[in-house]
Amino acid sequence: MKWLTWLNSRLSRWALYIAVSCLLGIVGVVFGSVIWRYLLNDAPAWSEQVALILVINVAMFGAAAGVRDEGHIGMESLIGLLPPKFQFWVGNVVGLITIVFGGFLCWGCWAMAASVWHNQIPTLSISEAYRYLPCVVAGFLIILFSIEHLIAMSSDKKVIPSWH
């Protein structure tokens, strides 16, 4: 368990670093695009596509880190009313559903990336697959983080958030 916690802690931090960097990138691209459009009277064709790819990265890596740090949407107040035995089982069911979701996200986005690998985003001249690859990585991270939570619950421990 220690090696998984060590690994997941670092992966979660890097997921947040990537999400924050991409968020700053969105601000820079959109701000630059506005300046370019209104001051120089010339709209860059690539800015919308770059911003879209950055938004996907922010959402996916932020969601994965949220799963690790239990910042995702949950029904904690309702589950807290249940007896401890039921809380344990509901937590396990939620963990298993999260693993299944991460698996479908990883598999589905990998299939989409493979199907559009040879297509290019016209304004960027890169593969359309780059839209789906962050989702594949995030799905894998969600699976890893959920496994850690299930192991921690079964050994009556708590996962320490990456940003404690």
C-alpha atoms as a PDB file:
ATOM      1  CA  MET A   1       0.000   0.000   0.000  1.00  0.00           C
ATOM      2  CA  LYS A   2       2.844   2.426   0.763  1.00  0.00           C
ATOM      3  CA  TRP A   3       4.257   2.307  -2.761  1.00  0.00           C
ATOM      4  CA  LEU A   4       0.781   2.846  -4.265  1.00  0.00           C
ATOM      5  CA  THR A   5       0.139   5.805  -1.973  1.00  0.00           C
ATOM      6  CA  TRP A   6       3.554   7.245  -2.829  1.00  0.00           C
ATOM      7  CA  LEU A   7       2.958   6.793  -6.566  1.00  0.00           C
ATOM      8  CA  ASN A   8      -0.615   8.090  -6.529  1.00  0.00           C
ATOM      9  CA  SER A   9       0.363  11.107  -4.454  1.00  0.00           C
ATOM     10  CA  ARG A  10       2.920  12.136  -7.062  1.00  0.00           C
ATOM     11  CA  LEU A  11       0.640  11.357  -9.995  1.00  0.00           C
ATOM     12  CA  SER A  12      -2.143  13.399  -8.419  1.00  0.00           C
ATOM     13  CA  ARG A  13       0.163  16.364  -7.897  1.00  0.00           C
ATOM     14  CA  TRP A  14       1.356  16.153 -11.506  1.00  0.00           C
ATOM     15  CA  ALA A  15      -2.231  15.930 -12.720  1.00  0.00           C
ATOM     16  CA  LEU A  16      -2.972  19.153 -10.851  1.00  0.00           C
ATOM     17  CA  TYR A  17       0.195  20.801 -12.172  1.00  0.00           C
ATOM     18  CA  ILE A  18      -0.855  19.917 -15.708  1.00  0.00           C
ATOM     19  CA  ALA A  19      -4.425  21.149 -15.106  1.00  0.00           C
ATOM     20  CA  VAL A  20      -3.234  24.464 -13.667  1.00  0.00           C
ATOM     21  CA  SER A  21      -0.671  24.933 -16.460  1.00  0.00           C
ATOM     22  CA  CYS A  22      -3.334  24.308 -19.068  1.00  0.00           C
ATOM     23  CA  LEU A  23      -5.686  26.723 -17.312  1.00  0.00           C
ATOM     24  CA  LEU A  24      -3.005  29.399 -17.475  1.00  0.00           C
ATOM     25  CA  GLY A  25      -2.495  28.445 -21.122  1.00  0.00           C
ATOM     26  CA  ILE A  26      -6.194  29.012 -21.812  1.00  0.00           C
ATOM     27  CA  VAL A  27      -5.984  32.480 -20.275  1.00  0.00           C
ATOM     28  CA  GLY A  28      -2.910  33.277 -22.364  1.00  0.00           C
ATOM     29  CA  VAL A  29      -4.346  31.939 -25.627  1.00  0.00           C
ATOM     30  CA  VAL A  30      -7.713  33.646 -25.214  1.00  0.00           C
ATOM     31  CA  PHE A  31      -6.153  36.929 -24.079  1.00  0.00           C
ATOM     32  CA  GLY A  32      -3.667  36.823 -26.953  1.00  0.00           C
ATOM     33  CA  SER A  33      -6.442  36.005 -29.394  1.00  0.00           C
ATOM     34  CA  VAL A  34      -8.510  38.968 -28.241  1.00  0.00           C
ATOM     35  CA  ILE A  35      -5.510  41.299 -28.541  1.00  0.00           C
ATOM     36  CA  TRP A  36      -4.669  39.869 -31.940  1.00  0.00           C
ATOM     37  CA  ARG A  37      -8.242  40.230 -33.167  1.00  0.00           C
ATOM     38  CA  TYR A  38      -9.111  43.709 -31.894  1.00  0.00           C
ATOM     39  CA  LEU A  39      -5.792  45.516 -31.864  1.00  0.00           C
ATOM     40  CA  LEU A  40      -4.117  43.963 -34.888  1.00  0.00           C
ATOM     41  CA  ASN A  41      -7.354  43.275 -36.775  1.00  0.00           C
ATOM     42  CA  ASP A  42      -6.256  39.722 -37.543  1.00  0.00           C
ATOM     43  CA  ALA A  43      -7.797  36.640 -35.887  1.00  0.00           C
ATOM     44  CA  PRO A  44      -5.482  33.657 -35.363  1.00  0.00           C
ATOM     45  CA  ALA A  45      -7.114  30.545 -36.801  1.00  0.00           C
ATOM     46  CA  TRP A  46      -5.442  28.181 -34.338  1.00  0.00           C
ATOM     47  CA  SER A  47      -6.490  29.822 -31.047  1.00  0.00           C
ATOM     48  CA  GLU A  48      -9.916  28.187 -30.758  1.00  0.00           C
ATOM     49  CA  GLN A  49      -8.529  24.679 -31.299  1.00  0.00           C
ATOM     50  CA  VAL A  50      -5.663  25.196 -28.852  1.00  0.00           C
ATOM     51  CA  ALA A  51      -8.063  26.528 -26.227  1.00  0.00           C
ATOM     52  CA  LEU A  52     -10.350  23.519 -26.747  1.00  0.00           C
ATOM     53  CA  ILE A  53      -7.498  21.038 -26.254  1.00  0.00           C
ATOM     54  CA  LEU A  54      -6.407  22.921 -23.133  1.00  0.00           C
ATOM     55  CA  VAL A  55      -9.967  22.847 -21.735  1.00  0.00           C
ATOM     56  CA  ILE A  56     -10.075  19.074 -22.218  1.00  0.00           C
ATOM     57  CA  ASN A  57      -6.771  18.761 -20.328  1.00  0.00           C
ATOM     58  CA  VAL A  58      -7.983  20.961 -17.470  1.00  0.00           C
ATOM     59  CA  ALA A  59     -11.197  18.983 -17.083  1.00  0.00           C
ATOM     60  CA  MET A  60      -9.666  15.517 -17.321  1.00  0.00           C
ATOM     61  CA  PHE A  61      -6.583  16.009 -15.166  1.00  0.00           C
ATOM     62  CA  GLY A  62      -8.541  18.078 -12.646  1.00  0.00           C
ATOM     63  CA  ALA A  63     -11.197  15.367 -12.399  1.00  0.00           C
ATOM     64  CA  ALA A  64      -8.582  12.647 -11.892  1.00  0.00           C
ATOM     65  CA  ALA A  65      -6.898  14.630  -9.113  1.00  0.00           C
ATOM     66  CA  GLY A  66     -10.331  15.249  -7.593  1.00  0.00           C
ATOM     67  CA  VAL A  67     -10.939  11.505  -7.384  1.00  0.00           C
ATOM     68  CA  ARG A  68      -7.635  11.014  -5.520  1.00  0.00           C
ATOM     69  CA  ASP A  69      -8.339  13.809  -3.052  1.00  0.00           C
ATOM     70  CA  GLU A  70     -12.038  12.903  -2.733  1.00  0.00           C
ATOM     71  CA  GLY A  71     -13.059  16.260  -4.139  1.00  0.00           C
ATOM     72  CA  HIS A  72     -15.557  14.727  -6.523  1.00  0.00           C
ATOM     73  CA  ILE A  73     -19.284  15.078  -6.152  1.00  0.00           C
ATOM     74  CA  GLY A  74     -20.583  12.671  -3.569  1.00  0.00           C
ATOM     75  CA  MET A  75     -23.509  12.119  -1.279  1.00  0.00           C
ATOM     76  CA  GLU A  76     -21.457  12.394   1.892  1.00  0.00           C
ATOM     77  CA  SER A  77     -24.243  13.888   3.982  1.00  0.00           C
ATOM     78  CA  LEU A  78     -26.650  11.093   3.050  1.00  0.00           C
ATOM     79  CA  ILE A  79     -24.046   8.352   3.481  1.00  0.00           C
ATOM     80  CA  GLY A  80     -23.039   9.840   6.844  1.00  0.00           C
ATOM     81  CA  LEU A  81     -26.524   9.073   8.169  1.00  0.00           C
ATOM     82  CA  LEU A  82     -26.067   5.351   7.512  1.00  0.00           C
ATOM     83  CA  PRO A  83     -24.625   2.917  10.070  1.00  0.00           C
ATOM     84  CA  PRO A  84     -20.846   2.358   9.701  1.00  0.00           C
ATOM     85  CA  LYS A  85     -21.313  -1.110   8.176  1.00  0.00           C
ATOM     86  CA  PHE A  86     -23.486   0.305   5.378  1.00  0.00           C
ATOM     87  CA  GLN A  87     -21.108   3.231   4.894  1.00  0.00           C
ATOM     88  CA  PHE A  88     -18.339   0.714   4.226  1.00  0.00           C
ATOM     89  CA  TRP A  89     -20.389  -1.169   1.629  1.00  0.00           C
ATOM     90  CA  VAL A  90     -21.697   1.964  -0.075  1.00  0.00           C
ATOM     91  CA  GLY A  91     -18.120   3.279  -0.209  1.00  0.00           C
ATOM     92  CA  ASN A  92     -16.998   0.040  -1.853  1.00  0.00           C
ATOM     93  CA  VAL A  93     -19.819   0.170  -4.388  1.00  0.00           C
ATOM     94  CA  VAL A  94     -18.973   3.787  -5.211  1.00  0.00           C
ATOM     95  CA  GLY A  95     -15.295   2.821  -5.582  1.00  0.00           C
ATOM     96  CA  LEU A  96     -16.151  -0.041  -7.916  1.00  0.00           C
ATOM     97  CA  ILE A  97     -18.462   2.140 -10.000  1.00  0.00           C
ATOM     98  CA  THR A  98     -15.682   4.725 -10.236  1.00  0.00           C
ATOM     99  CA  ILE A  99     -13.251   2.044 -11.439  1.00  0.00           C
ATOM    100  CA  VAL A 100     -15.756   0.931 -14.075  1.00  0.00           C
ATOM    101  CA  PHE A 101     -16.238   4.556 -15.164  1.00  0.00           C
ATOM    102  CA  GLY A 102     -12.467   5.059 -15.406  1.00  0.00           C
ATOM    103  CA  GLY A 103     -12.166   1.865 -17.431  1.00  0.00           C
ATOM    104  CA  PHE A 104     -14.869   2.923 -19.873  1.00  0.00           C
ATOM    105  CA  LEU A 105     -13.337   6.382 -20.150  1.00  0.00           C
ATOM    106  CA  CYS A 106      -9.902   4.925 -20.842  1.00  0.00           C
ATOM    107  CA  TRP A 107     -11.142   2.291 -23.299  1.00  0.00           C
ATOM    108  CA  GLY A 108     -13.651   4.493 -25.124  1.00  0.00           C
ATOM    109  CA  CYS A 109     -11.273   7.391 -25.580  1.00  0.00           C
ATOM    110  CA  TRP A 110      -8.488   5.065 -26.701  1.00  0.00           C
ATOM    111  CA  ALA A 111     -10.841   3.664 -29.345  1.00  0.00           C
ATOM    112  CA  MET A 112     -11.765   7.199 -30.452  1.00  0.00           C
ATOM    113  CA  ALA A 113      -8.108   8.257 -30.564  1.00  0.00           C
ATOM    114  CA  ALA A 114      -7.227   5.216 -32.657  1.00  0.00           C
ATOM    115  CA  SER A 115     -10.100   5.887 -35.050  1.00  0.00           C
ATOM    116  CA  VAL A 116      -9.044   9.488 -35.749  1.00  0.00           C
ATOM    117  CA  TRP A 117      -5.280   9.057 -35.493  1.00  0.00           C
ATOM    118  CA  HIS A 118      -4.736   9.769 -39.205  1.00  0.00           C
ATOM    119  CA  ASN A 119      -7.023  12.822 -39.276  1.00  0.00           C
ATOM    120  CA  GLN A 120      -5.508  16.223 -38.618  1.00  0.00           C
ATOM    121  CA  ILE A 121      -6.819  19.295 -36.893  1.00  0.00           C
ATOM    122  CA  PRO A 122      -6.612  21.676 -39.880  1.00  0.00           C
ATOM    123  CA  THR A 123      -5.435  24.799 -38.086  1.00  0.00           C
ATOM    124  CA  LEU A 124      -2.803  22.980 -36.011  1.00  0.00           C
ATOM    125  CA  SER A 125      -1.550  20.200 -38.302  1.00  0.00           C
ATOM    126  CA  ILE A 126      -1.589  17.684 -35.449  1.00  0.00           C
ATOM    127  CA  SER A 127      -3.604  14.492 -35.100  1.00  0.00           C
ATOM    128  CA  GLU A 128      -7.207  14.620 -33.888  1.00  0.00           C
ATOM    129  CA  ALA A 129      -6.155  11.919 -31.401  1.00  0.00           C
ATOM    130  CA  TYR A 130      -4.633  14.605 -29.182  1.00  0.00           C
ATOM    131  CA  ARG A 131      -8.173  15.543 -28.165  1.00  0.00           C
ATOM    132  CA  TYR A 132      -8.723  12.061 -26.693  1.00  0.00           C
ATOM    133  CA  LEU A 133      -5.350  11.107 -25.213  1.00  0.00           C
ATOM    134  CA  PRO A 134      -5.769  13.223 -22.034  1.00  0.00           C
ATOM    135  CA  CYS A 135      -9.017  11.332 -21.391  1.00  0.00           C
ATOM    136  CA  VAL A 136      -7.198   7.998 -21.715  1.00  0.00           C
ATOM    137  CA  VAL A 137      -4.572   9.073 -19.176  1.00  0.00           C
ATOM    138  CA  ALA A 138      -7.228  10.494 -16.839  1.00  0.00           C
ATOM    139  CA  GLY A 139      -9.235   7.263 -17.017  1.00  0.00           C
ATOM    140  CA  PHE A 140      -6.148   5.281 -16.057  1.00  0.00           C
ATOM    141  CA  LEU A 141      -5.428   7.660 -13.164  1.00  0.00           C
ATOM    142  CA  ILE A 142      -9.036   7.415 -11.951  1.00  0.00           C
ATOM    143  CA  ILE A 143      -8.688   3.628 -11.867  1.00  0.00           C
ATOM    144  CA  LEU A 144      -5.413   3.819  -9.895  1.00  0.00           C
ATOM    145  CA  PHE A 145      -6.780   6.358  -7.424  1.00  0.00           C
ATOM    146  CA  SER A 146      -9.982   4.364  -6.874  1.00  0.00           C
ATOM    147  CA  ILE A 147      -8.015   1.172  -6.227  1.00  0.00           C
ATOM    148  CA  GLU A 148      -6.029   3.042  -3.579  1.00  0.00           C
ATOM    149  CA  HIS A 149      -9.257   4.177  -1.918  1.00  0.00           C
ATOM    150  CA  LEU A 150     -10.687   0.646  -1.926  1.00  0.00           C
ATOM    151  CA  ILE A 151      -7.505  -0.753  -0.361  1.00  0.00           C
ATOM    152  CA  ALA A 152      -7.511   2.007   2.251  1.00  0.00           C
ATOM    153  CA  MET A 153     -11.164   1.350   3.129  1.00  0.00           C
ATOM    154  CA  SER A 154     -10.587  -2.387   3.462  1.00  0.00           C
ATOM    155  CA  SER A 155      -7.660  -1.809   5.834  1.00  0.00           C
ATOM    156  CA  ASP A 156      -9.578   0.888   7.774  1.00  0.00           C
ATOM    157  CA  LYS A 157      -7.199   3.659   6.740  1.00  0.00           C
ATOM    158  CA  LYS A 158      -7.695   7.046   5.134  1.00  0.00           C
ATOM    159  CA  VAL A 159      -6.029   8.296   1.946  1.00  0.00           C
ATOM    160  CA  ILE A 160      -4.100  11.467   2.728  1.00  0.00           C
ATOM    161  CA  PRO A 161      -4.844  14.118   0.082  1.00  0.00           C
ATOM    162  CA  SER A 162      -1.935  15.236  -2.078  1.00  0.00           C
ATOM    163  CA  TRP A 163      -2.373  18.847  -0.934  1.00  0.00           C
ATOM    164  CA  HIS A 164      -2.494  18.462   2.841  1.00  0.00           C
END
